Amino acid sequence: MATRDVPADSGDRAPELRPATHDFLKALAHPTRQKVMLLFARGAELSVGEVAEQAGIGQPTASQQLALLRRGGILTSRREGKTVLYRSDKEGVTTALADLQAYLRVCC
């Protein structure tokens, strides 16, 4: 479901962000998640334990933050044996930013 471009004189229909874009914005809204996001610069691929250690947070907190970043389309994951590895999801970020940009063009 993409953002609808609504003519300025339309008044009866408001533009809508996709639910995934709402999740993207929520993921960006927390300082801990912002800190975690920076760990994935330059294509890093990290496990929950590595994220916890590098971000200076507990493993349960790291796991929660990674899940929210993944739901927001900022990270993706893959399983390697018993380990789950996370990395940036450039396609997910690009899609969410395009949806947000289209929404802002209509409303602002």
PDB file of N, CA and C in Angstrom:
ATOM      1  N   MET A   1       0.846  -1.158   0.000  1.00  0.00           N
ATOM      2  CA  MET A   1       0.000   0.000   0.000  1.00  0.00           C
ATOM      3  C   MET A   1       0.896   1.227   0.000  1.00  0.00           C
ATOM      4  N   ALA A   2       0.913   1.964  -1.057  1.00  0.00           N
ATOM      5  CA  ALA A   2       1.774   3.128  -1.211  1.00  0.00           C
ATOM      6  C   ALA A   2       1.052   4.383  -0.758  1.00  0.00           C
ATOM      7  N   THR A   3       1.861   5.415  -0.562  1.00  0.00           N
ATOM      8  CA  THR A   3       1.283   6.707  -0.216  1.00  0.00           C
ATOM      9  C   THR A   3       0.461   7.200  -1.390  1.00  0.00           C
ATOM     10  N   ARG A   4      -0.700   7.758  -1.120  1.00  0.00           N
ATOM     11  CA  ARG A   4      -1.547   8.315  -2.169  1.00  0.00           C
ATOM     12  C   ARG A   4      -1.193   9.778  -2.347  1.00  0.00           C
ATOM     13  N   ASP A   5      -0.998  10.189  -3.576  1.00  0.00           N
ATOM     14  CA  ASP A   5      -0.840  11.604  -3.870  1.00  0.00           C
ATOM     15  C   ASP A   5      -2.227  12.201  -3.967  1.00  0.00           C
ATOM     16  N   VAL A   6      -2.513  13.150  -3.113  1.00  0.00           N
ATOM     17  CA  VAL A   6      -3.834  13.755  -3.055  1.00  0.00           C
ATOM     18  C   VAL A   6      -3.730  15.183  -3.552  1.00  0.00           C
ATOM     19  N   PRO A   7      -4.551  15.567  -4.503  1.00  0.00           N
ATOM     20  CA  PRO A   7      -4.535  16.946  -4.983  1.00  0.00           C
ATOM     21  C   PRO A   7      -4.821  17.917  -3.846  1.00  0.00           C
ATOM     22  N   ALA A   8      -4.238  19.123  -3.913  1.00  0.00           N
ATOM     23  CA  ALA A   8      -4.382  20.123  -2.861  1.00  0.00           C
ATOM     24  C   ALA A   8      -5.836  20.473  -2.604  1.00  0.00           C
ATOM     25  N   ASP A   9      -6.691  20.406  -3.618  1.00  0.00           N
ATOM     26  CA  ASP A   9      -8.093  20.785  -3.431  1.00  0.00           C
ATOM     27  C   ASP A   9      -8.960  19.608  -2.997  1.00  0.00           C
ATOM     28  N   SER A  10      -8.362  18.441  -2.755  1.00  0.00           N
ATOM     29  CA  SER A  10      -9.115  17.237  -2.451  1.00  0.00           C
ATOM     30  C   SER A  10      -9.743  17.269  -1.062  1.00  0.00           C
ATOM     31  N   GLY A  11      -9.165  17.757  -0.054  1.00  0.00           N
ATOM     32  CA  GLY A  11      -9.720  17.949   1.262  1.00  0.00           C
ATOM     33  C   GLY A  11     -10.356  16.750   1.945  1.00  0.00           C
ATOM     34  N   ASP A  12     -10.951  15.798   1.235  1.00  0.00           N
ATOM     35  CA  ASP A  12     -11.659  14.699   1.881  1.00  0.00           C
ATOM     36  C   ASP A  12     -10.777  13.482   2.146  1.00  0.00           C
ATOM     37  N   ARG A  13      -9.663  13.362   1.510  1.00  0.00           N
ATOM     38  CA  ARG A  13      -8.773  12.213   1.728  1.00  0.00           C
ATOM     39  C   ARG A  13      -7.395  12.724   2.152  1.00  0.00           C
ATOM     40  N   ALA A  14      -6.909  12.183   3.224  1.00  0.00           N
ATOM     41  CA  ALA A  14      -5.579  12.556   3.699  1.00  0.00           C
ATOM     42  C   ALA A  14      -4.560  11.538   3.179  1.00  0.00           C
ATOM     43  N   PRO A  15      -3.346  11.980   2.937  1.00  0.00           N
ATOM     44  CA  PRO A  15      -2.311  11.030   2.535  1.00  0.00           C
ATOM     45  C   PRO A  15      -2.033  10.073   3.700  1.00  0.00           C
ATOM     46  N   GLU A  16      -1.572   8.895   3.375  1.00  0.00           N
ATOM     47  CA  GLU A  16      -1.303   7.888   4.406  1.00  0.00           C
ATOM     48  C   GLU A  16       0.092   7.330   4.232  1.00  0.00           C
ATOM     49  N   LEU A  17       0.757   7.128   5.364  1.00  0.00           N
ATOM     50  CA  LEU A  17       2.033   6.419   5.357  1.00  0.00           C
ATOM     51  C   LEU A  17       1.749   4.928   5.491  1.00  0.00           C
ATOM     52  N   ARG A  18       2.584   4.135   4.844  1.00  0.00           N
ATOM     53  CA  ARG A  18       2.468   2.686   4.996  1.00  0.00           C
ATOM     54  C   ARG A  18       2.766   2.306   6.446  1.00  0.00           C
ATOM     55  N   PRO A  19       2.167   1.244   6.985  1.00  0.00           N
ATOM     56  CA  PRO A  19       2.486   0.803   8.355  1.00  0.00           C
ATOM     57  C   PRO A  19       3.991   0.570   8.548  1.00  0.00           C
ATOM     58  N   ALA A  20       4.664   0.067   7.525  1.00  0.00           N
ATOM     59  CA  ALA A  20       6.112  -0.157   7.635  1.00  0.00           C
ATOM     60  C   ALA A  20       6.865   1.156   7.844  1.00  0.00           C
ATOM     61  N   THR A  21       6.351   2.238   7.274  1.00  0.00           N
ATOM     62  CA  THR A  21       6.996   3.541   7.463  1.00  0.00           C
ATOM     63  C   THR A  21       6.764   4.041   8.883  1.00  0.00           C
ATOM     64  N   HIS A  22       5.600   3.759   9.456  1.00  0.00           N
ATOM     65  CA  HIS A  22       5.368   4.088  10.864  1.00  0.00           C
ATOM     66  C   HIS A  22       6.383   3.342  11.738  1.00  0.00           C
ATOM     67  N   ASP A  23       6.604   2.065  11.444  1.00  0.00           N
ATOM     68  CA  ASP A  23       7.588   1.277  12.198  1.00  0.00           C
ATOM     69  C   ASP A  23       8.991   1.846  12.019  1.00  0.00           C
ATOM     70  N   PHE A  24       9.303   2.298  10.810  1.00  0.00           N
ATOM     71  CA  PHE A  24      10.596   2.921  10.521  1.00  0.00           C
ATOM     72  C   PHE A  24      10.789   4.159  11.398  1.00  0.00           C
ATOM     73  N   LEU A  25       9.787   5.018  11.450  1.00  0.00           N
ATOM     74  CA  LEU A  25       9.885   6.240  12.242  1.00  0.00           C
ATOM     75  C   LEU A  25      10.001   5.932  13.736  1.00  0.00           C
ATOM     76  N   LYS A  26       9.258   4.949  14.216  1.00  0.00           N
ATOM     77  CA  LYS A  26       9.359   4.547  15.621  1.00  0.00           C
ATOM     78  C   LYS A  26      10.763   4.027  15.924  1.00  0.00           C
ATOM     79  N   ALA A  27      11.327   3.272  15.000  1.00  0.00           N
ATOM     80  CA  ALA A  27      12.666   2.715  15.203  1.00  0.00           C
ATOM     81  C   ALA A  27      13.711   3.817  15.322  1.00  0.00           C
ATOM     82  N   LEU A  28      13.520   4.894  14.590  1.00  0.00           N
ATOM     83  CA  LEU A  28      14.481   6.001  14.621  1.00  0.00           C
ATOM     84  C   LEU A  28      14.357   6.859  15.879  1.00  0.00           C
ATOM     85  N   ALA A  29      13.262   6.739  16.593  1.00  0.00           N
ATOM     86  CA  ALA A  29      12.911   7.689  17.641  1.00  0.00           C
ATOM     87  C   ALA A  29      13.580   7.457  18.996  1.00  0.00           C
ATOM     88  N   HIS A  30      14.431   6.475  19.137  1.00  0.00           N
ATOM     89  CA  HIS A  30      15.011   6.179  20.448  1.00  0.00           C
ATOM     90  C   HIS A  30      16.531   6.284  20.413  1.00  0.00           C
ATOM     91  N   PRO A  31      17.128   6.986  21.373  1.00  0.00           N
ATOM     92  CA  PRO A  31      18.591   7.168  21.370  1.00  0.00           C
ATOM     93  C   PRO A  31      19.387   5.861  21.373  1.00  0.00           C
ATOM     94  N   THR A  32      18.903   4.850  22.075  1.00  0.00           N
ATOM     95  CA  THR A  32      19.625   3.572  22.086  1.00  0.00           C
ATOM     96  C   THR A  32      19.612   2.949  20.699  1.00  0.00           C
ATOM     97  N   ARG A  33      18.474   2.984  20.024  1.00  0.00           N
ATOM     98  CA  ARG A  33      18.421   2.426  18.671  1.00  0.00           C
ATOM     99  C   ARG A  33      19.272   3.244  17.706  1.00  0.00           C
ATOM    100  N   GLN A  34      19.315   4.543  17.895  1.00  0.00           N
ATOM    101  CA  GLN A  34      20.178   5.381  17.056  1.00  0.00           C
ATOM    102  C   GLN A  34      21.638   4.974  17.246  1.00  0.00           C
ATOM    103  N   LYS A  35      22.021   4.703  18.479  1.00  0.00           N
ATOM    104  CA  LYS A  35      23.395   4.259  18.782  1.00  0.00           C
ATOM    105  C   LYS A  35      23.673   2.902  18.129  1.00  0.00           C
ATOM    106  N   VAL A  36      22.715   1.997  18.235  1.00  0.00           N
ATOM    107  CA  VAL A  36      22.864   0.658  17.644  1.00  0.00           C
ATOM    108  C   VAL A  36      22.974   0.758  16.125  1.00  0.00           C
ATOM    109  N   MET A  37      22.164   1.618  15.518  1.00  0.00           N
ATOM    110  CA  MET A  37      22.190   1.768  14.058  1.00  0.00           C
ATOM    111  C   MET A  37      23.595   2.108  13.554  1.00  0.00           C
ATOM    112  N   LEU A  38      24.288   2.958  14.291  1.00  0.00           N
ATOM    113  CA  LEU A  38      25.623   3.382  13.862  1.00  0.00           C
ATOM    114  C   LEU A  38      26.631   2.241  13.845  1.00  0.00           C
ATOM    115  N   LEU A  39      26.356   1.177  14.586  1.00  0.00           N
ATOM    116  CA  LEU A  39      27.256   0.019  14.587  1.00  0.00           C
ATOM    117  C   LEU A  39      27.267  -0.694  13.238  1.00  0.00           C
ATOM    118  N   PHE A  40      26.235  -0.460  12.438  1.00  0.00           N
ATOM    119  CA  PHE A  40      26.103  -1.176  11.172  1.00  0.00           C
ATOM    120  C   PHE A  40      26.610  -0.364   9.978  1.00  0.00           C
ATOM    121  N   ALA A  41      27.280   0.722  10.256  1.00  0.00           N
ATOM    122  CA  ALA A  41      27.879   1.524   9.174  1.00  0.00           C
ATOM    123  C   ALA A  41      28.921   0.688   8.448  1.00  0.00           C
ATOM    124  N   ARG A  42      29.100   0.981   7.201  1.00  0.00           N
ATOM    125  CA  ARG A  42      30.110   0.314   6.360  1.00  0.00           C
ATOM    126  C   ARG A  42      29.887  -1.194   6.228  1.00  0.00           C
ATOM    127  N   GLY A  43      28.620  -1.616   6.283  1.00  0.00           N
ATOM    128  CA  GLY A  43      28.303  -3.011   5.992  1.00  0.00           C
ATOM    129  C   GLY A  43      28.598  -4.007   7.089  1.00  0.00           C
ATOM    130  N   ALA A  44      28.761  -3.555   8.319  1.00  0.00           N
ATOM    131  CA  ALA A  44      29.032  -4.486   9.418  1.00  0.00           C
ATOM    132  C   ALA A  44      27.895  -5.490   9.570  1.00  0.00           C
ATOM    133  N   GLU A  45      28.249  -6.678   9.966  1.00  0.00           N
ATOM    134  CA  GLU A  45      27.272  -7.733  10.250  1.00  0.00           C
ATOM    135  C   GLU A  45      27.587  -8.226  11.660  1.00  0.00           C
ATOM    136  N   LEU A  46      26.623  -8.088  12.567  1.00  0.00           N
ATOM    137  CA  LEU A  46      26.874  -8.344  13.979  1.00  0.00           C
ATOM    138  C   LEU A  46      25.807  -9.231  14.597  1.00  0.00           C
ATOM    139  N   SER A  47      26.210  -9.996  15.600  1.00  0.00           N
ATOM    140  CA  SER A  47      25.275 -10.803  16.380  1.00  0.00           C
ATOM    141  C   SER A  47      24.717  -9.961  17.522  1.00  0.00           C
ATOM    142  N   VAL A  48      23.710 -10.477  18.195  1.00  0.00           N
ATOM    143  CA  VAL A  48      23.114  -9.778  19.338  1.00  0.00           C
ATOM    144  C   VAL A  48      24.181  -9.510  20.392  1.00  0.00           C
ATOM    145  N   GLY A  49      24.998 -10.498  20.677  1.00  0.00           N
ATOM    146  CA  GLY A  49      26.049 -10.348  21.683  1.00  0.00           C
ATOM    147  C   GLY A  49      27.054  -9.273  21.312  1.00  0.00           C
ATOM    148  N   GLU A  50      27.430  -9.224  20.048  1.00  0.00           N
ATOM    149  CA  GLU A  50      28.372  -8.198  19.591  1.00  0.00           C
ATOM    150  C   GLU A  50      27.763  -6.803  19.700  1.00  0.00           C
ATOM    151  N   VAL A  51      26.482  -6.689  19.345  1.00  0.00           N
ATOM    152  CA  VAL A  51      25.792  -5.408  19.461  1.00  0.00           C
ATOM    153  C   VAL A  51      25.743  -4.984  20.928  1.00  0.00           C
ATOM    154  N   ALA A  52      25.377  -5.900  21.804  1.00  0.00           N
ATOM    155  CA  ALA A  52      25.292  -5.587  23.233  1.00  0.00           C
ATOM    156  C   ALA A  52      26.640  -5.082  23.749  1.00  0.00           C
ATOM    157  N   GLU A  53      27.691  -5.789  23.412  1.00  0.00           N
ATOM    158  CA  GLU A  53      29.028  -5.413  23.877  1.00  0.00           C
ATOM    159  C   GLU A  53      29.447  -4.051  23.325  1.00  0.00           C
ATOM    160  N   GLN A  54      29.290  -3.858  22.027  1.00  0.00           N
ATOM    161  CA  GLN A  54      29.744  -2.610  21.400  1.00  0.00           C
ATOM    162  C   GLN A  54      28.887  -1.401  21.782  1.00  0.00           C
ATOM    163  N   ALA A  55      27.612  -1.625  22.055  1.00  0.00           N
ATOM    164  CA  ALA A  55      26.717  -0.522  22.417  1.00  0.00           C
ATOM    165  C   ALA A  55      26.691  -0.280  23.926  1.00  0.00           C
ATOM    166  N   GLY A  56      27.276  -1.201  24.684  1.00  0.00           N
ATOM    167  CA  GLY A  56      27.288  -1.046  26.132  1.00  0.00           C
ATOM    168  C   GLY A  56      25.922  -1.244  26.765  1.00  0.00           C
ATOM    169  N   ILE A  57      25.158  -2.204  26.221  1.00  0.00           N
ATOM    170  CA  ILE A  57      23.830  -2.510  26.745  1.00  0.00           C
ATOM    171  C   ILE A  57      23.739  -4.006  27.006  1.00  0.00           C
ATOM    172  N   GLY A  58      22.755  -4.407  27.775  1.00  0.00           N
ATOM    173  CA  GLY A  58      22.559  -5.823  28.054  1.00  0.00           C
ATOM    174  C   GLY A  58      22.058  -6.567  26.815  1.00  0.00           C
ATOM    175  N   GLN A  59      22.281  -7.873  26.819  1.00  0.00           N
ATOM    176  CA  GLN A  59      21.864  -8.676  25.668  1.00  0.00           C
ATOM    177  C   GLN A  59      20.346  -8.674  25.460  1.00  0.00           C
ATOM    178  N   PRO A  60      19.528  -8.744  26.520  1.00  0.00           N
ATOM    179  CA  PRO A  60      18.074  -8.667  26.291  1.00  0.00           C
ATOM    180  C   PRO A  60      17.664  -7.329  25.671  1.00  0.00           C
ATOM    181  N   THR A  61      18.286  -6.241  26.123  1.00  0.00           N
ATOM    182  CA  THR A  61      17.988  -4.922  25.559  1.00  0.00           C
ATOM    183  C   THR A  61      18.412  -4.865  24.102  1.00  0.00           C
ATOM    184  N   ALA A  62      19.600  -5.394  23.806  1.00  0.00           N
ATOM    185  CA  ALA A  62      20.083  -5.419  22.426  1.00  0.00           C
ATOM    186  C   ALA A  62      19.116  -6.197  21.539  1.00  0.00           C
ATOM    187  N   SER A  63      18.656  -7.322  22.029  1.00  0.00           N
ATOM    188  CA  SER A  63      17.725  -8.145  21.259  1.00  0.00           C
ATOM    189  C   SER A  63      16.429  -7.385  20.965  1.00  0.00           C
ATOM    190  N   GLN A  64      15.896  -6.686  21.966  1.00  0.00           N
ATOM    191  CA  GLN A  64      14.670  -5.899  21.768  1.00  0.00           C
ATOM    192  C   GLN A  64      14.893  -4.784  20.749  1.00  0.00           C
ATOM    193  N   GLN A  65      16.006  -4.074  20.889  1.00  0.00           N
ATOM    194  CA  GLN A  65      16.287  -2.957  19.986  1.00  0.00           C
ATOM    195  C   GLN A  65      16.490  -3.456  18.550  1.00  0.00           C
ATOM    196  N   LEU A  66      17.184  -4.560  18.393  1.00  0.00           N
ATOM    197  CA  LEU A  66      17.401  -5.132  17.057  1.00  0.00           C
ATOM    198  C   LEU A  66      16.083  -5.554  16.425  1.00  0.00           C
ATOM    199  N   ALA A  67      15.189  -6.120  17.224  1.00  0.00           N
ATOM    200  CA  ALA A  67      13.878  -6.531  16.698  1.00  0.00           C
ATOM    201  C   ALA A  67      13.098  -5.316  16.196  1.00  0.00           C
ATOM    202  N   LEU A  68      13.136  -4.223  16.931  1.00  0.00           N
ATOM    203  CA  LEU A  68      12.426  -3.011  16.504  1.00  0.00           C
ATOM    204  C   LEU A  68      13.070  -2.399  15.258  1.00  0.00           C
ATOM    205  N   LEU A  69      14.392  -2.425  15.173  1.00  0.00           N
ATOM    206  CA  LEU A  69      15.084  -1.921  13.984  1.00  0.00           C
ATOM    207  C   LEU A  69      14.781  -2.801  12.768  1.00  0.00           C
ATOM    208  N   ARG A  70      14.668  -4.088  12.996  1.00  0.00           N
ATOM    209  CA  ARG A  70      14.324  -5.001  11.897  1.00  0.00           C
ATOM    210  C   ARG A  70      12.889  -4.776  11.450  1.00  0.00           C
ATOM    211  N   ARG A  71      11.972  -4.644  12.397  1.00  0.00           N
ATOM    212  CA  ARG A  71      10.567  -4.379  12.064  1.00  0.00           C
ATOM    213  C   ARG A  71      10.437  -3.058  11.309  1.00  0.00           C
ATOM    214  N   GLY A  72      11.294  -2.096  11.622  1.00  0.00           N
ATOM    215  CA  GLY A  72      11.261  -0.799  10.961  1.00  0.00           C
ATOM    216  C   GLY A  72      11.948  -0.777   9.610  1.00  0.00           C
ATOM    217  N   GLY A  73      12.484  -1.921   9.169  1.00  0.00           N
ATOM    218  CA  GLY A  73      13.123  -1.993   7.861  1.00  0.00           C
ATOM    219  C   GLY A  73      14.513  -1.393   7.819  1.00  0.00           C
ATOM    220  N   ILE A  74      15.098  -1.154   8.984  1.00  0.00           N
ATOM    221  CA  ILE A  74      16.434  -0.567   9.050  1.00  0.00           C
ATOM    222  C   ILE A  74      17.504  -1.645   9.039  1.00  0.00           C
ATOM    223  N   LEU A  75      17.184  -2.794   9.626  1.00  0.00           N
ATOM    224  CA  LEU A  75      18.098  -3.931   9.643  1.00  0.00           C
ATOM    225  C   LEU A  75      17.421  -5.153   9.047  1.00  0.00           C
ATOM    226  N   THR A  76      18.236  -6.067   8.619  1.00  0.00           N
ATOM    227  CA  THR A  76      17.774  -7.375   8.171  1.00  0.00           C
ATOM    228  C   THR A  76      18.619  -8.405   8.920  1.00  0.00           C
ATOM    229  N   SER A  77      18.198  -9.650   8.901  1.00  0.00           N
ATOM    230  CA  SER A  77      18.952 -10.667   9.633  1.00  0.00           C
ATOM    231  C   SER A  77      19.022 -11.961   8.825  1.00  0.00           C
ATOM    232  N   ARG A  78      19.986 -12.756   9.207  1.00  0.00           N
ATOM    233  CA  ARG A  78      20.122 -14.103   8.647  1.00  0.00           C
ATOM    234  C   ARG A  78      20.667 -15.005   9.737  1.00  0.00           C
ATOM    235  N   ARG A  79      20.328 -16.257   9.643  1.00  0.00           N
ATOM    236  CA  ARG A  79      20.781 -17.233  10.634  1.00  0.00           C
ATOM    237  C   ARG A  79      22.007 -17.962  10.088  1.00  0.00           C
ATOM    238  N   GLU A  80      22.995 -18.083  10.948  1.00  0.00           N
ATOM    239  CA  GLU A  80      24.193 -18.864  10.637  1.00  0.00           C
ATOM    240  C   GLU A  80      24.396 -19.837  11.784  1.00  0.00           C
ATOM    241  N   GLY A  81      23.917 -21.069  11.600  1.00  0.00           N
ATOM    242  CA  GLY A  81      23.928 -22.037  12.698  1.00  0.00           C
ATOM    243  C   GLY A  81      22.983 -21.563  13.781  1.00  0.00           C
ATOM    244  N   LYS A  82      23.496 -21.422  15.010  1.00  0.00           N
ATOM    245  CA  LYS A  82      22.673 -20.942  16.124  1.00  0.00           C
ATOM    246  C   LYS A  82      22.705 -19.426  16.268  1.00  0.00           C
ATOM    247  N   THR A  83      23.521 -18.766  15.482  1.00  0.00           N
ATOM    248  CA  THR A  83      23.701 -17.320  15.603  1.00  0.00           C
ATOM    249  C   THR A  83      22.875 -16.574  14.572  1.00  0.00           C
ATOM    250  N   VAL A  84      22.230 -15.496  15.009  1.00  0.00           N
ATOM    251  CA  VAL A  84      21.515 -14.608  14.099  1.00  0.00           C
ATOM    252  C   VAL A  84      22.410 -13.389  13.888  1.00  0.00           C
ATOM    253  N   LEU A  85      22.675 -13.099  12.627  1.00  0.00           N
ATOM    254  CA  LEU A  85      23.513 -11.947  12.280  1.00  0.00           C
ATOM    255  C   LEU A  85      22.649 -10.862  11.665  1.00  0.00           C
ATOM    256  N   TYR A  86      22.889  -9.642  12.083  1.00  0.00           N
ATOM    257  CA  TYR A  86      22.126  -8.481  11.609  1.00  0.00           C
ATOM    258  C   TYR A  86      23.012  -7.597  10.749  1.00  0.00           C
ATOM    259  N   ARG A  87      22.398  -6.933   9.779  1.00  0.00           N
ATOM    260  CA  ARG A  87      23.108  -5.967   8.931  1.00  0.00           C
ATOM    261  C   ARG A  87      22.099  -4.934   8.430  1.00  0.00           C
ATOM    262  N   SER A  88      22.596  -3.844   7.887  1.00  0.00           N
ATOM    263  CA  SER A  88      21.733  -2.781   7.363  1.00  0.00           C
ATOM    264  C   SER A  88      20.846  -3.311   6.252  1.00  0.00           C
ATOM    265  N   ASP A  89      19.631  -2.791   6.195  1.00  0.00           N
ATOM    266  CA  ASP A  89      18.687  -3.127   5.124  1.00  0.00           C
ATOM    267  C   ASP A  89      18.501  -1.875   4.272  1.00  0.00           C
ATOM    268  N   LYS A  90      19.421  -1.654   3.360  1.00  0.00           N
ATOM    269  CA  LYS A  90      19.393  -0.437   2.542  1.00  0.00           C
ATOM    270  C   LYS A  90      18.105  -0.323   1.735  1.00  0.00           C
ATOM    271  N   GLU A  91      17.597  -1.434   1.242  1.00  0.00           N
ATOM    272  CA  GLU A  91      16.348  -1.417   0.472  1.00  0.00           C
ATOM    273  C   GLU A  91      15.167  -1.002   1.349  1.00  0.00           C
ATOM    274  N   GLY A  92      15.110  -1.528   2.572  1.00  0.00           N
ATOM    275  CA  GLY A  92      14.039  -1.164   3.491  1.00  0.00           C
ATOM    276  C   GLY A  92      14.080   0.313   3.850  1.00  0.00           C
ATOM    277  N   VAL A  93      15.279   0.827   4.092  1.00  0.00           N
ATOM    278  CA  VAL A  93      15.429   2.254   4.416  1.00  0.00           C
ATOM    279  C   VAL A  93      15.029   3.107   3.219  1.00  0.00           C
ATOM    280  N   THR A  94      15.481   2.725   2.037  1.00  0.00           N
ATOM    281  CA  THR A  94      15.160   3.475   0.824  1.00  0.00           C
ATOM    282  C   THR A  94      13.652   3.522   0.593  1.00  0.00           C
ATOM    283  N   THR A  95      12.973   2.403   0.791  1.00  0.00           N
ATOM    284  CA  THR A  95      11.521   2.336   0.610  1.00  0.00           C
ATOM    285  C   THR A  95      10.802   3.235   1.612  1.00  0.00           C
ATOM    286  N   ALA A  96      11.215   3.160   2.882  1.00  0.00           N
ATOM    287  CA  ALA A  96      10.569   3.984   3.911  1.00  0.00           C
ATOM    288  C   ALA A  96      10.811   5.468   3.652  1.00  0.00           C
ATOM    289  N   LEU A  97      12.020   5.825   3.249  1.00  0.00           N
ATOM    290  CA  LEU A  97      12.313   7.235   2.978  1.00  0.00           C
ATOM    291  C   LEU A  97      11.526   7.748   1.775  1.00  0.00           C
ATOM    292  N   ALA A  98      11.354   6.914   0.765  1.00  0.00           N
ATOM    293  CA  ALA A  98      10.568   7.318  -0.407  1.00  0.00           C
ATOM    294  C   ALA A  98       9.105   7.529  -0.012  1.00  0.00           C
ATOM    295  N   ASP A  99       8.570   6.656   0.817  1.00  0.00           N
ATOM    296  CA  ASP A  99       7.193   6.794   1.282  1.00  0.00           C
ATOM    297  C   ASP A  99       7.043   8.072   2.104  1.00  0.00           C
ATOM    298  N   LEU A 100       7.983   8.322   2.990  1.00  0.00           N
ATOM    299  CA  LEU A 100       7.942   9.526   3.812  1.00  0.00           C
ATOM    300  C   LEU A 100       8.064  10.786   2.956  1.00  0.00           C
ATOM    301  N   GLN A 101       8.945  10.743   1.980  1.00  0.00           N
ATOM    302  CA  GLN A 101       9.123  11.897   1.097  1.00  0.00           C
ATOM    303  C   GLN A 101       7.837  12.192   0.313  1.00  0.00           C
ATOM    304  N   ALA A 102       7.203  11.164  -0.196  1.00  0.00           N
ATOM    305  CA  ALA A 102       5.953  11.351  -0.935  1.00  0.00           C
ATOM    306  C   ALA A 102       4.874  11.922  -0.019  1.00  0.00           C
ATOM    307  N   TYR A 103       4.808  11.445   1.194  1.00  0.00           N
ATOM    308  CA  TYR A 103       3.844  11.952   2.171  1.00  0.00           C
ATOM    309  C   TYR A 103       4.105  13.432   2.458  1.00  0.00           C
ATOM    310  N   LEU A 104       5.356  13.785   2.678  1.00  0.00           N
ATOM    311  CA  LEU A 104       5.702  15.176   3.000  1.00  0.00           C
ATOM    312  C   LEU A 104       5.446  16.119   1.823  1.00  0.00           C
ATOM    313  N   ARG A 105       5.608  15.617   0.621  1.00  0.00           N
ATOM    314  CA  ARG A 105       5.303  16.457  -0.563  1.00  0.00           C
ATOM    315  C   ARG A 105       3.831  16.843  -0.586  1.00  0.00           C
ATOM    316  N   VAL A 106       2.971  15.942  -0.133  1.00  0.00           N
ATOM    317  CA  VAL A 106       1.531  16.189  -0.160  1.00  0.00           C
ATOM    318  C   VAL A 106       1.112  17.071   1.011  1.00  0.00           C
ATOM    319  N   CYS A 107       1.648  16.800   2.181  1.00  0.00           N
ATOM    320  CA  CYS A 107       1.125  17.485   3.369  1.00  0.00           C
ATOM    321  C   CYS A 107       1.830  18.794   3.693  1.00  0.00           C
ATOM    322  N   CYS A 108       3.037  18.966   3.237  1.00  0.00           N
ATOM    323  CA  CYS A 108       3.802  20.140   3.701  1.00  0.00           C
ATOM    324  C   CYS A 108       4.268  21.019   2.574  1.00  0.00           C
TER     325      CYS A 108
END
